[in-house]
PDB file of N, CA and C in Angstrom:
ATOM      1  N   UNK A   1      -0.539  -9.452 -32.295  1.00  0.00           N
ATOM      2  CA  UNK A   1      -0.560  -8.825 -31.123  1.00  0.00           C
ATOM      3  C   UNK A   1       0.487  -8.278 -30.781  1.00  0.00           C
ATOM      4  N   UNK A   2       0.909  -7.129 -30.605  1.00  0.00           N
ATOM      5  CA  UNK A   2       1.535  -6.425 -30.115  1.00  0.00           C
ATOM      6  C   UNK A   2       2.021  -6.473 -28.656  1.00  0.00           C
ATOM      7  N   UNK A   3       3.323  -6.151 -28.210  1.00  0.00           N
ATOM      8  CA  UNK A   3       3.269  -5.750 -26.512  1.00  0.00           C
ATOM      9  C   UNK A   3       3.766  -4.588 -26.415  1.00  0.00           C
ATOM     10  N   UNK A   4       3.550  -4.101 -25.141  1.00  0.00           N
ATOM     11  CA  UNK A   4       3.503  -2.489 -25.079  1.00  0.00           C
ATOM     12  C   UNK A   4       4.771  -2.376 -23.999  1.00  0.00           C
ATOM     13  N   UNK A   5       5.499  -1.357 -23.993  1.00  0.00           N
ATOM     14  CA  UNK A   5       6.825  -1.017 -23.502  1.00  0.00           C
ATOM     15  C   UNK A   5       6.932   0.446 -23.225  1.00  0.00           C
ATOM     16  N   UNK A   6       7.344   0.802 -22.079  1.00  0.00           N
ATOM     17  CA  UNK A   6       7.291   1.974 -21.573  1.00  0.00           C
ATOM     18  C   UNK A   6       8.491   2.334 -20.393  1.00  0.00           C
ATOM     19  N   UNK A   7       9.280   2.770 -20.707  1.00  0.00           N
ATOM     20  CA  UNK A   7      10.585   2.652 -19.859  1.00  0.00           C
ATOM     21  C   UNK A   7       9.910   3.644 -18.307  1.00  0.00           C
ATOM     22  N   UNK A   8      11.085   3.522 -17.478  1.00  0.00           N
ATOM     23  CA  UNK A   8      10.322   3.731 -16.486  1.00  0.00           C
ATOM     24  C   UNK A   8      10.216   5.556 -16.000  1.00  0.00           C
ATOM     25  N   UNK A   9      10.731   6.744 -16.633  1.00  0.00           N
ATOM     26  CA  UNK A   9      10.480   7.668 -16.763  1.00  0.00           C
ATOM     27  C   UNK A   9       9.235   7.923 -17.273  1.00  0.00           C
ATOM     28  N   UNK A  10       8.667   7.440 -18.163  1.00  0.00           N
ATOM     29  CA  UNK A  10       7.708   7.623 -19.034  1.00  0.00           C
ATOM     30  C   UNK A  10       6.365   6.847 -18.310  1.00  0.00           C
ATOM     31  N   UNK A  11       6.823   5.842 -17.447  1.00  0.00           N
ATOM     32  CA  UNK A  11       5.660   5.094 -16.495  1.00  0.00           C
ATOM     33  C   UNK A  11       5.559   5.872 -15.449  1.00  0.00           C
ATOM     34  N   UNK A  12       6.534   6.822 -14.949  1.00  0.00           N
ATOM     35  CA  UNK A  12       6.144   7.466 -13.921  1.00  0.00           C
ATOM     36  C   UNK A  12       5.511   8.583 -14.136  1.00  0.00           C
ATOM     37  N   UNK A  13       5.526   9.135 -15.327  1.00  0.00           N
ATOM     38  CA  UNK A  13       4.654  10.002 -16.190  1.00  0.00           C
ATOM     39  C   UNK A  13       3.335   9.433 -16.075  1.00  0.00           C
ATOM     40  N   UNK A  14       2.965   8.214 -16.858  1.00  0.00           N
ATOM     41  CA  UNK A  14       1.904   7.426 -16.540  1.00  0.00           C
ATOM     42  C   UNK A  14       1.218   7.193 -15.308  1.00  0.00           C
ATOM     43  N   UNK A  15       1.890   6.837 -14.126  1.00  0.00           N
ATOM     44  CA  UNK A  15       1.227   6.772 -12.958  1.00  0.00           C
ATOM     45  C   UNK A  15       1.106   8.038 -12.404  1.00  0.00           C
ATOM     46  N   UNK A  16       1.465   9.116 -12.544  1.00  0.00           N
ATOM     47  CA  UNK A  16       1.180  10.477 -11.914  1.00  0.00           C
ATOM     48  C   UNK A  16       0.310  11.145 -12.797  1.00  0.00           C
ATOM     49  N   UNK A  17      -0.589  10.525 -13.851  1.00  0.00           N
ATOM     50  CA  UNK A  17      -1.760  10.988 -14.349  1.00  0.00           C
ATOM     51  C   UNK A  17      -2.709  10.998 -13.422  1.00  0.00           C
ATOM     52  N   UNK A  18      -4.006  11.941 -13.290  1.00  0.00           N
ATOM     53  CA  UNK A  18      -4.990  11.897 -12.466  1.00  0.00           C
ATOM     54  C   UNK A  18      -5.769  10.602 -13.259  1.00  0.00           C
ATOM     55  N   UNK A  19      -6.678  10.081 -12.200  1.00  0.00           N
ATOM     56  CA  UNK A  19      -7.286   8.427 -12.379  1.00  0.00           C
ATOM     57  C   UNK A  19      -8.132   8.700 -13.890  1.00  0.00           C
ATOM     58  N   UNK A  20      -8.905  10.000 -14.440  1.00  0.00           N
ATOM     59  CA  UNK A  20      -9.595   9.610 -15.319  1.00  0.00           C
ATOM     60  C   UNK A  20      -8.499   9.442 -16.787  1.00  0.00           C
ATOM     61  N   UNK A  21      -7.610  10.155 -16.272  1.00  0.00           N
ATOM     62  CA  UNK A  21      -6.999  10.495 -17.690  1.00  0.00           C
ATOM     63  C   UNK A  21      -5.922   8.832 -17.692  1.00  0.00           C
ATOM     64  N   UNK A  22      -5.434   8.872 -16.747  1.00  0.00           N
ATOM     65  CA  UNK A  22      -4.794   7.376 -16.511  1.00  0.00           C
ATOM     66  C   UNK A  22      -5.283   6.299 -17.373  1.00  0.00           C
ATOM     67  N   UNK A  23      -6.915   5.880 -16.992  1.00  0.00           N
ATOM     68  CA  UNK A  23      -7.837   4.877 -17.199  1.00  0.00           C
ATOM     69  C   UNK A  23      -7.875   5.313 -18.680  1.00  0.00           C
ATOM     70  N   UNK A  24      -8.202   6.538 -19.063  1.00  0.00           N
ATOM     71  CA  UNK A  24      -8.159   6.754 -20.318  1.00  0.00           C
ATOM     72  C   UNK A  24      -7.087   6.216 -21.595  1.00  0.00           C
ATOM     73  N   UNK A  25      -5.592   6.343 -21.220  1.00  0.00           N
ATOM     74  CA  UNK A  25      -4.334   5.945 -21.595  1.00  0.00           C
ATOM     75  C   UNK A  25      -4.222   4.545 -21.530  1.00  0.00           C
ATOM     76  N   UNK A  26      -4.939   3.920 -20.302  1.00  0.00           N
ATOM     77  CA  UNK A  26      -4.529   2.241 -20.457  1.00  0.00           C
ATOM     78  C   UNK A  26      -5.410   2.046 -21.278  1.00  0.00           C
ATOM     79  N   UNK A  27      -6.888   2.136 -21.795  1.00  0.00           N
ATOM     80  CA  UNK A  27      -7.634   1.484 -22.259  1.00  0.00           C
ATOM     81  C   UNK A  27      -7.262   1.934 -23.569  1.00  0.00           C
ATOM     82  N   UNK A  28      -6.855   3.060 -24.111  1.00  0.00           N
ATOM     83  CA  UNK A  28      -6.317   3.189 -25.310  1.00  0.00           C
ATOM     84  C   UNK A  28      -5.158   2.221 -25.830  1.00  0.00           C
ATOM     85  N   UNK A  29      -4.151   2.105 -25.056  1.00  0.00           N
ATOM     86  CA  UNK A  29      -3.220   1.138 -25.133  1.00  0.00           C
ATOM     87  C   UNK A  29      -3.794  -0.327 -24.914  1.00  0.00           C
ATOM     88  N   UNK A  30      -4.566  -0.765 -24.402  1.00  0.00           N
ATOM     89  CA  UNK A  30      -5.002  -2.260 -24.553  1.00  0.00           C
ATOM     90  C   UNK A  30      -5.757  -2.490 -25.800  1.00  0.00           C
ATOM     91  N   UNK A  31      -6.670  -1.088 -26.270  1.00  0.00           N
ATOM     92  CA  UNK A  31      -7.585  -1.435 -27.559  1.00  0.00           C
ATOM     93  C   UNK A  31      -6.408  -1.551 -28.717  1.00  0.00           C
ATOM     94  N   UNK A  32      -5.582  -0.809 -28.374  1.00  0.00           N
ATOM     95  CA  UNK A  32      -4.334  -0.456 -29.728  1.00  0.00           C
ATOM     96  C   UNK A  32      -3.230  -1.980 -30.160  1.00  0.00           C
ATOM     97  N   UNK A  33      -3.423  -2.958 -29.045  1.00  0.00           N
ATOM     98  CA  UNK A  33      -2.224  -3.932 -29.148  1.00  0.00           C
ATOM     99  C   UNK A  33      -2.364  -4.834 -30.619  1.00  0.00           C
ATOM    100  N   UNK A  34      -3.890  -4.924 -30.948  1.00  0.00           N
ATOM    101  CA  UNK A  34      -4.199  -5.457 -32.243  1.00  0.00           C
ATOM    102  C   UNK A  34      -3.462  -5.244 -33.312  1.00  0.00           C
ATOM    103  N   UNK A  35      -3.594  -3.417 -33.412  1.00  0.00           N
ATOM    104  CA  UNK A  35      -3.325  -2.802 -34.606  1.00  0.00           C
ATOM    105  C   UNK A  35      -3.109  -1.444 -34.061  1.00  0.00           C
ATOM    106  N   UNK A  36      -2.271  -1.308 -34.077  1.00  0.00           N
ATOM    107  CA  UNK A  36      -1.737   0.177 -33.267  1.00  0.00           C
ATOM    108  C   UNK A  36      -1.437   1.204 -34.718  1.00  0.00           C
ATOM    109  N   UNK A  37      -1.572   0.839 -35.727  1.00  0.00           N
ATOM    110  CA  UNK A  37      -1.453   1.648 -36.861  1.00  0.00           C
ATOM    111  C   UNK A  37      -3.371   2.381 -37.033  1.00  0.00           C
ATOM    112  N   UNK A  38      -3.990   1.545 -36.870  1.00  0.00           N
ATOM    113  CA  UNK A  38      -5.559   2.055 -36.982  1.00  0.00           C
ATOM    114  C   UNK A  38      -5.757   2.670 -36.213  1.00  0.00           C
ATOM    115  N   UNK A  39      -5.480   2.423 -34.646  1.00  0.00           N
ATOM    116  CA  UNK A  39      -5.924   3.415 -33.540  1.00  0.00           C
ATOM    117  C   UNK A  39      -4.932   4.627 -33.637  1.00  0.00           C
ATOM    118  N   UNK A  40      -4.050   4.924 -34.267  1.00  0.00           N
ATOM    119  CA  UNK A  40      -3.039   5.970 -34.376  1.00  0.00           C
ATOM    120  C   UNK A  40      -3.049   6.882 -35.654  1.00  0.00           C
ATOM    121  N   UNK A  41      -2.508   8.132 -35.597  1.00  0.00           N
ATOM    122  CA  UNK A  41      -2.154   8.784 -36.882  1.00  0.00           C
ATOM    123  C   UNK A  41      -0.715   8.915 -37.020  1.00  0.00           C
ATOM    124  N   UNK A  42      -0.418   9.385 -38.012  1.00  0.00           N
ATOM    125  CA  UNK A  42       1.273   9.713 -38.638  1.00  0.00           C
ATOM    126  C   UNK A  42       1.773  10.795 -37.643  1.00  0.00           C
ATOM    127  N   UNK A  43       2.888  10.560 -37.145  1.00  0.00           N
ATOM    128  CA  UNK A  43       3.774  11.633 -36.312  1.00  0.00           C
ATOM    129  C   UNK A  43       4.391  12.454 -37.287  1.00  0.00           C
ATOM    130  N   UNK A  44       4.415  13.127 -37.536  1.00  0.00           N
ATOM    131  CA  UNK A  44       5.053  14.430 -38.090  1.00  0.00           C
ATOM    132  C   UNK A  44       4.623  14.265 -39.824  1.00  0.00           C
ATOM    133  N   UNK A  45       5.406  14.953 -40.470  1.00  0.00           N
ATOM    134  CA  UNK A  45       4.833  15.182 -41.765  1.00  0.00           C
ATOM    135  C   UNK A  45       4.842  13.834 -42.859  1.00  0.00           C
ATOM    136  N   UNK A  46       5.637  12.947 -42.421  1.00  0.00           N
ATOM    137  CA  UNK A  46       5.926  12.137 -43.420  1.00  0.00           C
ATOM    138  C   UNK A  46       5.420  10.961 -42.400  1.00  0.00           C
ATOM    139  N   UNK A  47       4.328   9.848 -43.195  1.00  0.00           N
ATOM    140  CA  UNK A  47       3.996   8.573 -42.556  1.00  0.00           C
ATOM    141  C   UNK A  47       5.162   7.408 -43.016  1.00  0.00           C
ATOM    142  N   UNK A  48       5.755   7.352 -42.080  1.00  0.00           N
ATOM    143  CA  UNK A  48       6.864   6.059 -42.226  1.00  0.00           C
ATOM    144  C   UNK A  48       6.229   4.813 -41.247  1.00  0.00           C
ATOM    145  N   UNK A  49       4.824   4.987 -41.097  1.00  0.00           N
ATOM    146  CA  UNK A  49       4.631   3.633 -40.513  1.00  0.00           C
ATOM    147  C   UNK A  49       5.105   3.356 -39.039  1.00  0.00           C
ATOM    148  N   UNK A  50       5.978   4.077 -38.843  1.00  0.00           N
ATOM    149  CA  UNK A  50       6.996   3.648 -37.148  1.00  0.00           C
ATOM    150  C   UNK A  50       6.196   4.564 -36.212  1.00  0.00           C
ATOM    151  N   UNK A  51       6.323   6.148 -36.394  1.00  0.00           N
ATOM    152  CA  UNK A  51       6.131   6.980 -35.258  1.00  0.00           C
ATOM    153  C   UNK A  51       4.547   7.281 -35.478  1.00  0.00           C
ATOM    154  N   UNK A  52       4.176   7.193 -34.842  1.00  0.00           N
ATOM    155  CA  UNK A  52       2.591   7.200 -34.773  1.00  0.00           C
ATOM    156  C   UNK A  52       2.163   8.179 -33.351  1.00  0.00           C
ATOM    157  N   UNK A  53       1.019   8.870 -33.351  1.00  0.00           N
ATOM    158  CA  UNK A  53       0.710  10.064 -32.545  1.00  0.00           C
ATOM    159  C   UNK A  53      -0.932   9.256 -31.955  1.00  0.00           C
ATOM    160  N   UNK A  54      -1.065   9.515 -31.040  1.00  0.00           N
ATOM    161  CA  UNK A  54      -2.350   9.402 -30.455  1.00  0.00           C
ATOM    162  C   UNK A  54      -3.011  10.370 -29.600  1.00  0.00           C
ATOM    163  N   UNK A  55      -3.981  11.059 -30.230  1.00  0.00           N
ATOM    164  CA  UNK A  55      -4.302  12.306 -29.322  1.00  0.00           C
ATOM    165  C   UNK A  55      -5.890  12.322 -29.237  1.00  0.00           C
ATOM    166  N   UNK A  56      -6.177  12.604 -27.882  1.00  0.00           N
ATOM    167  CA  UNK A  56      -7.371  12.890 -27.666  1.00  0.00           C
ATOM    168  C   UNK A  56      -8.045  13.993 -26.422  1.00  0.00           C
ATOM    169  N   UNK A  57      -8.459  14.802 -26.669  1.00  0.00           N
ATOM    170  CA  UNK A  57      -8.614  16.115 -25.876  1.00  0.00           C
ATOM    171  C   UNK A  57      -7.611  16.910 -25.373  1.00  0.00           C
ATOM    172  N   UNK A  58      -7.635  16.150 -24.245  1.00  0.00           N
ATOM    173  CA  UNK A  58      -6.458  16.600 -23.508  1.00  0.00           C
ATOM    174  C   UNK A  58      -4.952  15.764 -22.993  1.00  0.00           C
ATOM    175  N   UNK A  59      -5.097  14.783 -24.009  1.00  0.00           N
ATOM    176  CA  UNK A  59      -4.369  13.642 -23.665  1.00  0.00           C
ATOM    177  C   UNK A  59      -3.594  13.438 -25.236  1.00  0.00           C
ATOM    178  N   UNK A  60      -2.050  13.436 -24.960  1.00  0.00           N
ATOM    179  CA  UNK A  60      -1.600  12.946 -26.419  1.00  0.00           C
ATOM    180  C   UNK A  60      -0.148  12.033 -26.269  1.00  0.00           C
ATOM    181  N   UNK A  61      -0.255  10.958 -27.053  1.00  0.00           N
ATOM    182  CA  UNK A  61       0.899   9.827 -26.601  1.00  0.00           C
ATOM    183  C   UNK A  61       1.460   9.967 -27.867  1.00  0.00           C
ATOM    184  N   UNK A  62       3.045   9.468 -27.819  1.00  0.00           N
ATOM    185  CA  UNK A  62       3.876   9.347 -29.071  1.00  0.00           C
ATOM    186  C   UNK A  62       4.423   8.141 -28.823  1.00  0.00           C
ATOM    187  N   UNK A  63       3.918   7.220 -30.218  1.00  0.00           N
ATOM    188  CA  UNK A  63       4.423   6.078 -30.040  1.00  0.00           C
ATOM    189  C   UNK A  63       5.695   5.408 -31.057  1.00  0.00           C
ATOM    190  N   UNK A  64       6.160   4.214 -31.042  1.00  0.00           N
ATOM    191  CA  UNK A  64       7.046   3.824 -32.067  1.00  0.00           C
ATOM    192  C   UNK A  64       6.777   2.342 -32.268  1.00  0.00           C
ATOM    193  N   UNK A  65       6.178   1.881 -33.276  1.00  0.00           N
ATOM    194  CA  UNK A  65       5.837   0.440 -33.839  1.00  0.00           C
ATOM    195  C   UNK A  65       6.947  -0.160 -34.446  1.00  0.00           C
ATOM    196  N   UNK A  66       7.047  -1.179 -33.802  1.00  0.00           N
ATOM    197  CA  UNK A  66       8.419  -2.009 -34.177  1.00  0.00           C
ATOM    198  C   UNK A  66       7.929  -3.067 -34.457  1.00  0.00           C
ATOM    199  N   UNK A  67       7.724  -3.494 -35.913  1.00  0.00           N
ATOM    200  CA  UNK A  67       7.021  -4.941 -36.738  1.00  0.00           C
ATOM    201  C   UNK A  67       7.916  -5.875 -36.150  1.00  0.00           C
ATOM    202  N   UNK A  68       9.341  -5.894 -36.547  1.00  0.00           N
ATOM    203  CA  UNK A  68      10.216  -7.049 -35.975  1.00  0.00           C
ATOM    204  C   UNK A  68      10.104  -7.712 -34.582  1.00  0.00           C
ATOM    205  N   UNK A  69       9.719  -6.330 -33.599  1.00  0.00           N
ATOM    206  CA  UNK A  69      10.038  -6.949 -32.433  1.00  0.00           C
ATOM    207  C   UNK A  69       8.494  -6.906 -31.821  1.00  0.00           C
ATOM    208  N   UNK A  70       7.417  -6.640 -32.460  1.00  0.00           N
ATOM    209  CA  UNK A  70       6.088  -6.509 -32.300  1.00  0.00           C
ATOM    210  C   UNK A  70       6.107  -5.739 -31.124  1.00  0.00           C
ATOM    211  N   UNK A  71       6.473  -4.170 -30.937  1.00  0.00           N
ATOM    212  CA  UNK A  71       6.466  -3.839 -29.780  1.00  0.00           C
ATOM    213  C   UNK A  71       5.769  -2.556 -29.950  1.00  0.00           C
ATOM    214  N   UNK A  72       5.027  -2.113 -29.114  1.00  0.00           N
ATOM    215  CA  UNK A  72       4.636  -0.345 -29.099  1.00  0.00           C
ATOM    216  C   UNK A  72       5.550  -0.075 -27.778  1.00  0.00           C
ATOM    217  N   UNK A  73       6.130   0.728 -28.196  1.00  0.00           N
ATOM    218  CA  UNK A  73       7.317   1.817 -27.328  1.00  0.00           C
ATOM    219  C   UNK A  73       6.251   3.047 -27.100  1.00  0.00           C
ATOM    220  N   UNK A  74       5.896   3.464 -25.815  1.00  0.00           N
ATOM    221  CA  UNK A  74       5.667   4.795 -25.693  1.00  0.00           C
ATOM    222  C   UNK A  74       6.581   5.665 -25.422  1.00  0.00           C
ATOM    223  N   UNK A  75       7.053   6.633 -26.242  1.00  0.00           N
ATOM    224  CA  UNK A  75       7.834   7.584 -26.384  1.00  0.00           C
ATOM    225  C   UNK A  75       7.591   8.744 -25.219  1.00  0.00           C
ATOM    226  N   UNK A  76       6.695   9.354 -25.340  1.00  0.00           N
ATOM    227  CA  UNK A  76       5.604  10.701 -24.625  1.00  0.00           C
ATOM    228  C   UNK A  76       4.465  10.501 -24.052  1.00  0.00           C
ATOM    229  N   UNK A  77       4.092  10.873 -22.976  1.00  0.00           N
ATOM    230  CA  UNK A  77       3.059  11.120 -22.907  1.00  0.00           C
ATOM    231  C   UNK A  77       2.391  12.439 -22.640  1.00  0.00           C
ATOM    232  N   UNK A  78       1.799  13.470 -23.221  1.00  0.00           N
ATOM    233  CA  UNK A  78       1.513  14.899 -22.822  1.00  0.00           C
ATOM    234  C   UNK A  78      -0.052  14.947 -22.131  1.00  0.00           C
ATOM    235  N   UNK A  79      -0.233  15.695 -21.195  1.00  0.00           N
ATOM    236  CA  UNK A  79      -1.578  15.672 -20.329  1.00  0.00           C
ATOM    237  C   UNK A  79      -1.927  17.314 -20.120  1.00  0.00           C
ATOM    238  N   UNK A  80      -2.771  17.745 -20.766  1.00  0.00           N
ATOM    239  CA  UNK A  80      -3.034  19.094 -20.579  1.00  0.00           C
ATOM    240  C   UNK A  80      -3.762  19.606 -19.675  1.00  0.00           C
ATOM    241  N   UNK A  81      -4.367  18.606 -18.841  1.00  0.00           N
ATOM    242  CA  UNK A  81      -5.074  19.022 -17.521  1.00  0.00           C
ATOM    243  C   UNK A  81      -6.356  19.610 -17.302  1.00  0.00           C
ATOM    244  N   UNK A  82      -7.066  19.554 -18.889  1.00  0.00           N
ATOM    245  CA  UNK A  82      -8.432  20.169 -19.293  1.00  0.00           C
ATOM    246  C   UNK A  82      -9.587  19.327 -18.464  1.00  0.00           C
ATOM    247  N   UNK A  83      -9.449  18.249 -18.241  1.00  0.00           N
ATOM    248  CA  UNK A  83     -10.438  17.402 -17.626  1.00  0.00           C
ATOM    249  C   UNK A  83     -10.105  17.296 -16.363  1.00  0.00           C
TER     250      UNK A  83
END
């Protein structure tokens, strides 16, 4: 199991999401801690296994997967505000 990390700036973005969007992000993060690669897609043109993307409708998260530290770091949260 991986642990989750987001710095204070990303956490502020997460806190400011509307309730439904925040709940979707929280559910995704909880569901992904056992196998984050299975729950995400490669980020960019090359699949290095480290940078990952989760996109669902009007939400997108960029993650850094740290195998040695067993940490999922949330690098970016984007919300288009469609829902």
